[in-house]
Structure formats: structure tokens, C-alpha cells
Amino acid sequence: MDNWELKDAEDRANKEAHLKDFLKGDEWAIKLCMDVWDLFQVWDDLVDKTHDRTEQEITRSFRTLMVELPKNPFYREYAVEITTILNLCVMQWTDANKLERAKGGDHRNKAYVLRACIFNLYRYCAYLVGGQEWADSIGPVIWDSYGETLEGFLKEMEDEFKQC
């Protein structure tokens, strides 16, 4: 296992532990959020070409998208709302990619904010499992758990542009 894979496994375990708290242990809500997290990681790597993904990882992602998500009871119950949030996440992610590639200005700072879009899903799922009061109380904790710093993000962008 290389350093990237090790970091990815640690990040995933940390994310799952946080989600258990945020989502009051609701196993299907946690699974939905973890599945979406995993999907976005693979999708991002395929688009940015920052990490090679295996055929097995790509196939697992498509299976999750086409088979596992539609079978998830939490997703099925809240499909309209969750799909709306996911659509917003995709739009923000694609905007972030465009801003990252833009020259000049503070575009990358804005891209950094947009890339955290999946945290909207976590916050909304907290609302679905615990109501408005729970979502309002845990919301800042959810956002505070975002692990990437602006400085780290900007350095990663600099490193990527040096390779181009």
C-alpha cells in the first residue's frame, strides 16, 4: 500500500467515525454518505488524473452508483431531496474544477470552498435523521470536520500546475 492509499484509508475511517456521530448512528444514512464520498473520490481522480484508479475501483464505483445507491432504504425514502443535494454537489464540483484551472485572481480560494460541497449532504442527512434542532446543533461540527486546509489545497494546486 503506497502513501496515498494509506492516507485514503485513514481519511475514510475518520470520515465514517464522524458520520456515525453526525447521523446518530443511522446505518443507511452513513452508508449513503460513505458511498457518495467514495464515488466522488474516484470521479475526481479520473477527471484530474491525479491518482490511477484500477479497473476494480472503477467497476465498484459504477456498481455502487447503479445498484447499491438505489437499493439503500435511506436513499429510497428521501430520493428527491438527496438527488437535489447531489445535483448541487456535482454543479459545485464542476465549477470548482473550472475555477482551479483559471488564471489570476482568487479563483482557487473559491474552488476550495466549492469542493466542500459534500458537507451539504452530511448536514442535510443530519437534518433528515434528527430534525432541525439536531442539524442546527451539529452543523458547525460537521463543517469543522472538513480536513483539508486552504493552504494544503493551494499547495496541491501549485504542485499539479508544475507537472503540466
N, C-alpha and C. Protein backbone atom coordinates (compact mmCIF):
# COMPACT_ATOMS: atom_id res chain seq x y z
N MET A 1 0.85 -1.17 0.00
CA MET A 1 0.00 0.00 0.00
C MET A 1 0.90 1.24 0.00
N ASP A 2 0.71 2.14 -0.99
CA ASP A 2 1.54 3.34 -1.03
C ASP A 2 0.98 4.42 -0.08
N ASN A 3 1.71 5.51 0.05
CA ASN A 3 1.31 6.57 0.98
C ASN A 3 -0.07 7.13 0.68
N TRP A 4 -0.38 7.31 -0.62
CA TRP A 4 -1.69 7.84 -0.98
C TRP A 4 -2.79 6.89 -0.54
N GLU A 5 -2.62 5.58 -0.79
CA GLU A 5 -3.63 4.60 -0.41
C GLU A 5 -3.81 4.54 1.11
N LEU A 6 -2.70 4.64 1.84
CA LEU A 6 -2.76 4.63 3.29
C LEU A 6 -3.51 5.86 3.81
N LYS A 7 -3.18 7.01 3.27
CA LYS A 7 -3.86 8.24 3.67
C LYS A 7 -5.35 8.16 3.34
N ASP A 8 -5.67 7.62 2.17
CA ASP A 8 -7.06 7.47 1.75
C ASP A 8 -7.82 6.56 2.72
N ALA A 9 -7.22 5.45 3.14
CA ALA A 9 -7.86 4.52 4.08
C ALA A 9 -8.06 5.19 5.44
N GLU A 10 -7.07 5.96 5.89
CA GLU A 10 -7.19 6.68 7.16
C GLU A 10 -8.29 7.74 7.08
N ASP A 11 -8.31 8.48 5.99
CA ASP A 11 -9.35 9.50 5.79
C ASP A 11 -10.74 8.88 5.79
N ARG A 12 -10.86 7.73 5.13
CA ARG A 12 -12.16 7.05 5.05
C ARG A 12 -12.62 6.59 6.42
N ALA A 13 -11.74 6.01 7.21
CA ALA A 13 -12.09 5.54 8.56
C ALA A 13 -12.48 6.73 9.44
N ASN A 14 -11.75 7.82 9.33
CA ASN A 14 -12.05 9.03 10.09
C ASN A 14 -13.40 9.61 9.68
N LYS A 15 -13.66 9.64 8.39
CA LYS A 15 -14.94 10.15 7.86
C LYS A 15 -16.09 9.31 8.40
N GLU A 16 -15.95 8.00 8.38
CA GLU A 16 -17.02 7.11 8.84
C GLU A 16 -17.29 7.31 10.33
N ALA A 17 -16.26 7.48 11.12
CA ALA A 17 -16.44 7.72 12.57
C ALA A 17 -17.20 9.02 12.80
N HIS A 18 -16.85 10.05 12.06
CA HIS A 18 -17.57 11.33 12.18
C HIS A 18 -19.03 11.17 11.79
N LEU A 19 -19.26 10.49 10.69
CA LEU A 19 -20.63 10.34 10.21
C LEU A 19 -21.50 9.57 11.20
N LYS A 20 -20.93 8.62 11.90
CA LYS A 20 -21.71 7.90 12.93
C LYS A 20 -22.26 8.87 13.96
N ASP A 21 -21.43 9.84 14.34
CA ASP A 21 -21.89 10.86 15.29
C ASP A 21 -22.89 11.81 14.65
N PHE A 22 -22.55 12.34 13.49
CA PHE A 22 -23.41 13.33 12.82
C PHE A 22 -24.79 12.79 12.52
N LEU A 23 -24.84 11.50 12.16
CA LEU A 23 -26.08 10.91 11.66
C LEU A 23 -26.73 9.98 12.68
N LYS A 24 -26.36 10.17 13.95
CA LYS A 24 -26.99 9.44 15.06
C LYS A 24 -26.96 7.93 14.85
N GLY A 25 -25.91 7.44 14.22
CA GLY A 25 -25.75 6.00 14.05
C GLY A 25 -26.65 5.37 13.01
N ASP A 26 -27.39 6.16 12.25
CA ASP A 26 -28.29 5.61 11.23
C ASP A 26 -27.44 4.93 10.15
N GLU A 27 -27.45 3.60 10.16
CA GLU A 27 -26.52 2.85 9.30
C GLU A 27 -26.73 3.10 7.82
N TRP A 28 -27.97 3.31 7.38
CA TRP A 28 -28.22 3.52 5.95
C TRP A 28 -27.85 4.94 5.52
N ALA A 29 -28.06 5.90 6.41
CA ALA A 29 -27.62 7.28 6.11
C ALA A 29 -26.10 7.34 6.04
N ILE A 30 -25.44 6.65 6.96
CA ILE A 30 -23.97 6.60 6.96
C ILE A 30 -23.47 5.94 5.69
N LYS A 31 -24.09 4.82 5.32
CA LYS A 31 -23.67 4.11 4.10
C LYS A 31 -23.86 5.00 2.88
N LEU A 32 -24.98 5.70 2.80
CA LEU A 32 -25.21 6.60 1.68
C LEU A 32 -24.09 7.64 1.59
N CYS A 33 -23.79 8.28 2.70
CA CYS A 33 -22.76 9.33 2.70
C CYS A 33 -21.38 8.77 2.38
N MET A 34 -21.07 7.60 2.90
CA MET A 34 -19.77 6.99 2.59
C MET A 34 -19.70 6.57 1.12
N ASP A 35 -20.79 6.02 0.61
CA ASP A 35 -20.80 5.63 -0.80
C ASP A 35 -20.60 6.85 -1.69
N VAL A 36 -21.29 7.94 -1.38
CA VAL A 36 -21.14 9.15 -2.18
C VAL A 36 -19.72 9.70 -2.05
N TRP A 37 -19.16 9.67 -0.84
CA TRP A 37 -17.78 10.11 -0.64
C TRP A 37 -16.83 9.31 -1.54
N ASP A 38 -16.98 7.98 -1.50
CA ASP A 38 -16.12 7.12 -2.31
C ASP A 38 -16.30 7.40 -3.80
N LEU A 39 -17.54 7.57 -4.23
CA LEU A 39 -17.80 7.88 -5.64
C LEU A 39 -17.12 9.18 -6.07
N PHE A 40 -17.25 10.21 -5.25
CA PHE A 40 -16.63 11.49 -5.58
C PHE A 40 -15.11 11.39 -5.62
N GLN A 41 -14.52 10.58 -4.76
CA GLN A 41 -13.06 10.43 -4.77
C GLN A 41 -12.59 9.81 -6.07
N VAL A 42 -13.27 8.75 -6.50
CA VAL A 42 -12.89 8.09 -7.74
C VAL A 42 -13.14 9.02 -8.93
N TRP A 43 -14.29 9.66 -8.96
CA TRP A 43 -14.64 10.56 -10.05
C TRP A 43 -13.60 11.69 -10.15
N ASP A 44 -13.26 12.27 -9.02
CA ASP A 44 -12.28 13.35 -9.01
C ASP A 44 -10.93 12.87 -9.55
N ASP A 45 -10.52 11.69 -9.13
CA ASP A 45 -9.24 11.16 -9.60
C ASP A 45 -9.26 10.87 -11.10
N LEU A 46 -10.38 10.40 -11.61
CA LEU A 46 -10.48 10.13 -13.04
C LEU A 46 -10.43 11.42 -13.86
N VAL A 47 -11.08 12.45 -13.37
CA VAL A 47 -11.09 13.73 -14.09
C VAL A 47 -9.76 14.45 -13.96
N ASP A 48 -9.25 14.55 -12.74
CA ASP A 48 -7.99 15.28 -12.51
C ASP A 48 -6.75 14.48 -12.91
N LYS A 49 -6.93 13.17 -13.02
CA LYS A 49 -5.81 12.27 -13.35
C LYS A 49 -4.67 12.39 -12.33
N THR A 50 -5.05 12.60 -11.06
CA THR A 50 -4.04 12.74 -10.00
C THR A 50 -3.63 11.40 -9.42
N HIS A 51 -4.52 10.42 -9.45
CA HIS A 51 -4.22 9.08 -8.94
C HIS A 51 -4.81 8.07 -9.92
N ASP A 52 -4.03 7.07 -10.23
CA ASP A 52 -4.54 6.00 -11.09
C ASP A 52 -5.57 5.19 -10.32
N ARG A 53 -6.64 4.89 -10.97
CA ARG A 53 -7.67 4.02 -10.39
C ARG A 53 -7.70 2.72 -11.16
N THR A 54 -7.86 1.64 -10.42
CA THR A 54 -7.88 0.32 -11.05
C THR A 54 -9.23 0.06 -11.69
N GLU A 55 -9.24 -0.92 -12.56
CA GLU A 55 -10.49 -1.35 -13.18
C GLU A 55 -11.48 -1.78 -12.09
N GLN A 56 -10.97 -2.45 -11.06
CA GLN A 56 -11.83 -2.90 -9.96
C GLN A 56 -12.46 -1.70 -9.22
N GLU A 57 -11.69 -0.67 -8.95
CA GLU A 57 -12.23 0.52 -8.27
C GLU A 57 -13.28 1.22 -9.12
N ILE A 58 -13.02 1.32 -10.41
CA ILE A 58 -13.97 1.97 -11.31
C ILE A 58 -15.26 1.16 -11.41
N THR A 59 -15.12 -0.15 -11.55
CA THR A 59 -16.29 -1.02 -11.62
C THR A 59 -17.09 -0.97 -10.33
N ARG A 60 -16.40 -0.98 -9.19
CA ARG A 60 -17.09 -0.88 -7.89
C ARG A 60 -17.87 0.43 -7.80
N SER A 61 -17.29 1.50 -8.29
CA SER A 61 -17.97 2.80 -8.26
C SER A 61 -19.25 2.79 -9.09
N PHE A 62 -19.15 2.25 -10.29
CA PHE A 62 -20.34 2.20 -11.14
C PHE A 62 -21.40 1.27 -10.55
N ARG A 63 -20.97 0.17 -9.94
CA ARG A 63 -21.93 -0.74 -9.30
C ARG A 63 -22.62 -0.02 -8.13
N THR A 64 -21.86 0.73 -7.36
CA THR A 64 -22.45 1.49 -6.26
C THR A 64 -23.48 2.47 -6.80
N LEU A 65 -23.11 3.18 -7.84
CA LEU A 65 -23.99 4.19 -8.42
C LEU A 65 -25.28 3.59 -8.98
N MET A 66 -25.13 2.49 -9.70
CA MET A 66 -26.29 1.94 -10.41
C MET A 66 -27.08 0.90 -9.62
N VAL A 67 -26.45 0.26 -8.62
CA VAL A 67 -27.12 -0.83 -7.91
C VAL A 67 -27.30 -0.51 -6.42
N GLU A 68 -26.21 -0.18 -5.75
CA GLU A 68 -26.25 -0.03 -4.29
C GLU A 68 -27.03 1.20 -3.83
N LEU A 69 -26.77 2.36 -4.43
CA LEU A 69 -27.50 3.56 -4.00
C LEU A 69 -29.01 3.41 -4.17
N PRO A 70 -29.49 2.95 -5.33
CA PRO A 70 -30.95 2.80 -5.47
C PRO A 70 -31.56 1.79 -4.50
N LYS A 71 -30.78 0.83 -4.00
CA LYS A 71 -31.30 -0.15 -3.04
C LYS A 71 -31.27 0.37 -1.60
N ASN A 72 -30.52 1.41 -1.33
CA ASN A 72 -30.36 1.92 0.03
C ASN A 72 -31.70 2.47 0.53
N PRO A 73 -32.24 1.93 1.65
CA PRO A 73 -33.55 2.39 2.16
C PRO A 73 -33.59 3.88 2.51
N PHE A 74 -32.51 4.40 3.03
CA PHE A 74 -32.47 5.84 3.36
C PHE A 74 -32.56 6.66 2.07
N TYR A 75 -31.80 6.28 1.07
CA TYR A 75 -31.85 6.97 -0.22
C TYR A 75 -33.26 6.87 -0.81
N ARG A 76 -33.85 5.69 -0.75
CA ARG A 76 -35.17 5.49 -1.34
C ARG A 76 -36.22 6.37 -0.66
N GLU A 77 -36.12 6.49 0.65
CA GLU A 77 -37.10 7.30 1.38
C GLU A 77 -36.99 8.78 1.04
N TYR A 78 -35.77 9.25 0.85
CA TYR A 78 -35.53 10.69 0.65
C TYR A 78 -34.91 10.98 -0.72
N ALA A 79 -35.21 10.15 -1.71
CA ALA A 79 -34.53 10.23 -3.02
C ALA A 79 -34.63 11.61 -3.66
N VAL A 80 -35.79 12.21 -3.63
CA VAL A 80 -35.96 13.52 -4.29
C VAL A 80 -35.06 14.56 -3.63
N GLU A 81 -35.08 14.62 -2.31
CA GLU A 81 -34.26 15.60 -1.59
C GLU A 81 -32.76 15.31 -1.77
N ILE A 82 -32.40 14.06 -1.63
CA ILE A 82 -30.98 13.70 -1.72
C ILE A 82 -30.46 13.95 -3.14
N THR A 83 -31.26 13.61 -4.15
CA THR A 83 -30.85 13.84 -5.52
C THR A 83 -30.65 15.33 -5.79
N THR A 84 -31.48 16.16 -5.20
CA THR A 84 -31.32 17.61 -5.35
C THR A 84 -30.00 18.07 -4.75
N ILE A 85 -29.69 17.58 -3.55
CA ILE A 85 -28.42 17.93 -2.90
C ILE A 85 -27.25 17.41 -3.73
N LEU A 86 -27.34 16.19 -4.22
CA LEU A 86 -26.26 15.62 -5.03
C LEU A 86 -26.06 16.40 -6.32
N ASN A 87 -27.15 16.84 -6.93
CA ASN A 87 -27.03 17.64 -8.14
C ASN A 87 -26.29 18.95 -7.84
N LEU A 88 -26.61 19.57 -6.72
CA LEU A 88 -25.90 20.78 -6.31
C LEU A 88 -24.42 20.48 -6.09
N CYS A 89 -24.12 19.35 -5.47
CA CYS A 89 -22.72 18.96 -5.25
C CYS A 89 -21.98 18.81 -6.57
N VAL A 90 -22.60 18.17 -7.53
CA VAL A 90 -21.96 17.98 -8.83
C VAL A 90 -21.73 19.33 -9.50
N MET A 91 -22.72 20.21 -9.44
CA MET A 91 -22.56 21.53 -10.05
C MET A 91 -21.42 22.31 -9.39
N GLN A 92 -21.36 22.27 -8.06
CA GLN A 92 -20.29 22.97 -7.36
C GLN A 92 -18.93 22.36 -7.67
N TRP A 93 -18.87 21.04 -7.76
CA TRP A 93 -17.61 20.37 -8.05
C TRP A 93 -17.11 20.73 -9.44
N THR A 94 -18.01 20.74 -10.43
CA THR A 94 -17.59 21.11 -11.78
C THR A 94 -17.17 22.57 -11.85
N ASP A 95 -17.86 23.43 -11.12
CA ASP A 95 -17.44 24.84 -11.05
C ASP A 95 -16.06 24.96 -10.41
N ALA A 96 -15.84 24.20 -9.35
CA ALA A 96 -14.53 24.22 -8.67
C ALA A 96 -13.42 23.82 -9.64
N ASN A 97 -13.66 22.79 -10.43
CA ASN A 97 -12.65 22.35 -11.40
C ASN A 97 -12.32 23.46 -12.39
N LYS A 98 -13.34 24.16 -12.86
CA LYS A 98 -13.11 25.26 -13.81
C LYS A 98 -12.34 26.40 -13.14
N LEU A 99 -12.72 26.72 -11.91
CA LEU A 99 -12.04 27.80 -11.19
C LEU A 99 -10.59 27.45 -10.88
N GLU A 100 -10.33 26.18 -10.59
CA GLU A 100 -8.95 25.75 -10.31
C GLU A 100 -8.04 25.98 -11.51
N ARG A 101 -8.60 25.85 -12.69
CA ARG A 101 -7.80 25.98 -13.91
C ARG A 101 -7.70 27.42 -14.40
N ALA A 102 -8.50 28.32 -13.81
CA ALA A 102 -8.49 29.72 -14.23
C ALA A 102 -7.21 30.40 -13.77
N LYS A 103 -6.77 31.34 -14.55
CA LYS A 103 -5.54 32.08 -14.22
C LYS A 103 -5.90 33.37 -13.49
N GLY A 104 -5.06 33.73 -12.52
CA GLY A 104 -5.20 35.01 -11.83
C GLY A 104 -6.33 35.04 -10.82
N GLY A 105 -6.35 36.11 -10.05
CA GLY A 105 -7.40 36.32 -9.06
C GLY A 105 -7.38 35.29 -7.94
N ASP A 106 -8.47 35.23 -7.22
CA ASP A 106 -8.57 34.29 -6.10
C ASP A 106 -9.47 33.11 -6.44
N HIS A 107 -9.43 32.71 -7.72
CA HIS A 107 -10.29 31.61 -8.17
C HIS A 107 -10.07 30.33 -7.38
N ARG A 108 -8.84 30.05 -7.03
CA ARG A 108 -8.56 28.80 -6.31
C ARG A 108 -9.12 28.85 -4.89
N ASN A 109 -9.15 30.02 -4.29
CA ASN A 109 -9.77 30.15 -2.96
C ASN A 109 -11.25 29.79 -3.05
N LYS A 110 -11.89 30.24 -4.11
CA LYS A 110 -13.31 29.93 -4.30
C LYS A 110 -13.50 28.44 -4.61
N ALA A 111 -12.61 27.88 -5.38
CA ALA A 111 -12.68 26.45 -5.70
C ALA A 111 -12.57 25.62 -4.42
N TYR A 112 -11.72 26.05 -3.52
CA TYR A 112 -11.54 25.35 -2.24
C TYR A 112 -12.88 25.27 -1.49
N VAL A 113 -13.61 26.35 -1.46
CA VAL A 113 -14.91 26.38 -0.77
C VAL A 113 -15.90 25.47 -1.48
N LEU A 114 -15.94 25.56 -2.80
CA LEU A 114 -16.90 24.77 -3.57
C LEU A 114 -16.65 23.27 -3.44
N ARG A 115 -15.38 22.87 -3.29
CA ARG A 115 -15.05 21.44 -3.19
C ARG A 115 -15.61 20.80 -1.93
N ALA A 116 -15.97 21.58 -0.95
CA ALA A 116 -16.53 21.05 0.30
C ALA A 116 -18.02 20.76 0.18
N CYS A 117 -18.53 20.74 -1.03
CA CYS A 117 -19.98 20.61 -1.25
C CYS A 117 -20.59 19.36 -0.64
N ILE A 118 -19.83 18.29 -0.52
CA ILE A 118 -20.40 17.07 0.04
C ILE A 118 -20.83 17.26 1.50
N PHE A 119 -20.25 18.26 2.14
CA PHE A 119 -20.65 18.54 3.52
C PHE A 119 -22.08 19.07 3.59
N ASN A 120 -22.60 19.60 2.49
CA ASN A 120 -24.02 19.94 2.42
C ASN A 120 -24.87 18.68 2.54
N LEU A 121 -24.42 17.61 1.91
CA LEU A 121 -25.13 16.33 2.02
C LEU A 121 -25.12 15.83 3.46
N TYR A 122 -23.97 15.89 4.12
CA TYR A 122 -23.89 15.43 5.51
C TYR A 122 -24.83 16.25 6.40
N ARG A 123 -24.80 17.56 6.20
CA ARG A 123 -25.63 18.45 7.03
C ARG A 123 -27.11 18.15 6.79
N TYR A 124 -27.50 17.94 5.53
CA TYR A 124 -28.89 17.67 5.23
C TYR A 124 -29.32 16.30 5.76
N CYS A 125 -28.45 15.33 5.65
CA CYS A 125 -28.77 14.00 6.20
C CYS A 125 -28.91 14.07 7.72
N ALA A 126 -28.12 14.91 8.37
CA ALA A 126 -28.28 15.12 9.82
C ALA A 126 -29.67 15.66 10.12
N TYR A 127 -30.14 16.56 9.28
CA TYR A 127 -31.50 17.08 9.42
C TYR A 127 -32.52 15.95 9.24
N LEU A 128 -32.33 15.11 8.24
CA LEU A 128 -33.28 14.04 7.97
C LEU A 128 -33.34 13.03 9.11
N VAL A 129 -32.20 12.73 9.74
CA VAL A 129 -32.22 11.73 10.82
C VAL A 129 -32.55 12.32 12.19
N GLY A 130 -32.33 13.62 12.37
CA GLY A 130 -32.51 14.18 13.71
C GLY A 130 -33.36 15.43 13.82
N GLY A 131 -33.84 15.95 12.71
CA GLY A 131 -34.65 17.15 12.74
C GLY A 131 -33.82 18.42 12.73
N GLN A 132 -34.53 19.54 12.67
CA GLN A 132 -33.89 20.85 12.53
C GLN A 132 -32.99 21.20 13.72
N GLU A 133 -33.48 20.96 14.93
CA GLU A 133 -32.68 21.31 16.11
C GLU A 133 -31.36 20.54 16.12
N TRP A 134 -31.41 19.24 15.81
CA TRP A 134 -30.18 18.44 15.76
C TRP A 134 -29.25 18.96 14.65
N ALA A 135 -29.81 19.20 13.49
CA ALA A 135 -28.99 19.66 12.36
C ALA A 135 -28.34 21.01 12.68
N ASP A 136 -29.08 21.89 13.34
CA ASP A 136 -28.51 23.19 13.71
C ASP A 136 -27.41 23.06 14.75
N SER A 137 -27.57 22.12 15.67
CA SER A 137 -26.56 21.97 16.72
C SER A 137 -25.30 21.26 16.20
N ILE A 138 -25.47 20.31 15.29
CA ILE A 138 -24.32 19.54 14.80
C ILE A 138 -23.71 20.18 13.54
N GLY A 139 -24.41 21.09 12.90
CA GLY A 139 -23.94 21.71 11.67
C GLY A 139 -22.52 22.27 11.75
N PRO A 140 -22.22 23.12 12.74
CA PRO A 140 -20.85 23.64 12.83
C PRO A 140 -19.81 22.54 13.05
N VAL A 141 -20.18 21.49 13.75
CA VAL A 141 -19.26 20.37 13.98
C VAL A 141 -18.99 19.65 12.65
N ILE A 142 -20.04 19.49 11.87
CA ILE A 142 -19.88 18.86 10.55
C ILE A 142 -18.90 19.67 9.71
N TRP A 143 -19.13 20.97 9.61
CA TRP A 143 -18.25 21.81 8.79
C TRP A 143 -16.84 21.87 9.35
N ASP A 144 -16.71 21.85 10.65
CA ASP A 144 -15.39 21.89 11.28
C ASP A 144 -14.59 20.62 10.99
N SER A 145 -15.27 19.54 10.66
CA SER A 145 -14.58 18.28 10.40
C SER A 145 -13.93 18.25 9.01
N TYR A 146 -14.19 19.25 8.20
CA TYR A 146 -13.56 19.30 6.87
C TYR A 146 -12.06 19.38 7.06
N GLY A 147 -11.37 18.35 6.61
CA GLY A 147 -9.96 18.18 6.96
C GLY A 147 -8.96 18.93 6.11
N GLU A 148 -9.32 19.28 4.88
CA GLU A 148 -8.35 19.94 4.01
C GLU A 148 -8.25 21.42 4.35
N THR A 149 -7.04 21.90 4.52
CA THR A 149 -6.84 23.32 4.78
C THR A 149 -6.70 24.06 3.46
N LEU A 150 -6.96 25.35 3.48
CA LEU A 150 -6.79 26.17 2.29
C LEU A 150 -5.34 26.13 1.83
N GLU A 151 -4.43 26.19 2.79
CA GLU A 151 -3.00 26.18 2.45
C GLU A 151 -2.62 24.86 1.77
N GLY A 152 -3.11 23.75 2.30
CA GLY A 152 -2.83 22.45 1.70
C GLY A 152 -3.42 22.33 0.30
N PHE A 153 -4.63 22.83 0.14
CA PHE A 153 -5.29 22.81 -1.16
C PHE A 153 -4.50 23.63 -2.18
N LEU A 154 -4.09 24.85 -1.79
CA LEU A 154 -3.35 25.71 -2.70
C LEU A 154 -2.00 25.10 -3.08
N LYS A 155 -1.36 24.45 -2.12
CA LYS A 155 -0.09 23.78 -2.42
C LYS A 155 -0.31 22.64 -3.41
N GLU A 156 -1.37 21.86 -3.21
CA GLU A 156 -1.69 20.77 -4.13
C GLU A 156 -1.93 21.32 -5.54
N MET A 157 -2.63 22.45 -5.63
CA MET A 157 -2.88 23.05 -6.94
C MET A 157 -1.57 23.51 -7.59
N GLU A 158 -0.69 24.12 -6.80
CA GLU A 158 0.61 24.54 -7.32
C GLU A 158 1.40 23.35 -7.84
N ASP A 159 1.42 22.27 -7.07
CA ASP A 159 2.14 21.06 -7.48
C ASP A 159 1.59 20.48 -8.77
N GLU A 160 0.25 20.49 -8.92
CA GLU A 160 -0.38 19.97 -10.13
C GLU A 160 -0.02 20.82 -11.34
N PHE A 161 -0.01 22.16 -11.16
CA PHE A 161 0.29 23.04 -12.28
C PHE A 161 1.77 22.95 -12.68
N LYS A 162 2.63 22.64 -11.73
CA LYS A 162 4.05 22.46 -12.05
C LYS A 162 4.26 21.25 -12.94
N GLN A 163 3.40 20.22 -12.76
CA GLN A 163 3.53 18.99 -13.54
C GLN A 163 3.01 19.14 -14.97
N CYS A 164 2.18 20.16 -15.18
CA CYS A 164 1.60 20.36 -16.51
C CYS A 164 2.59 20.95 -17.48
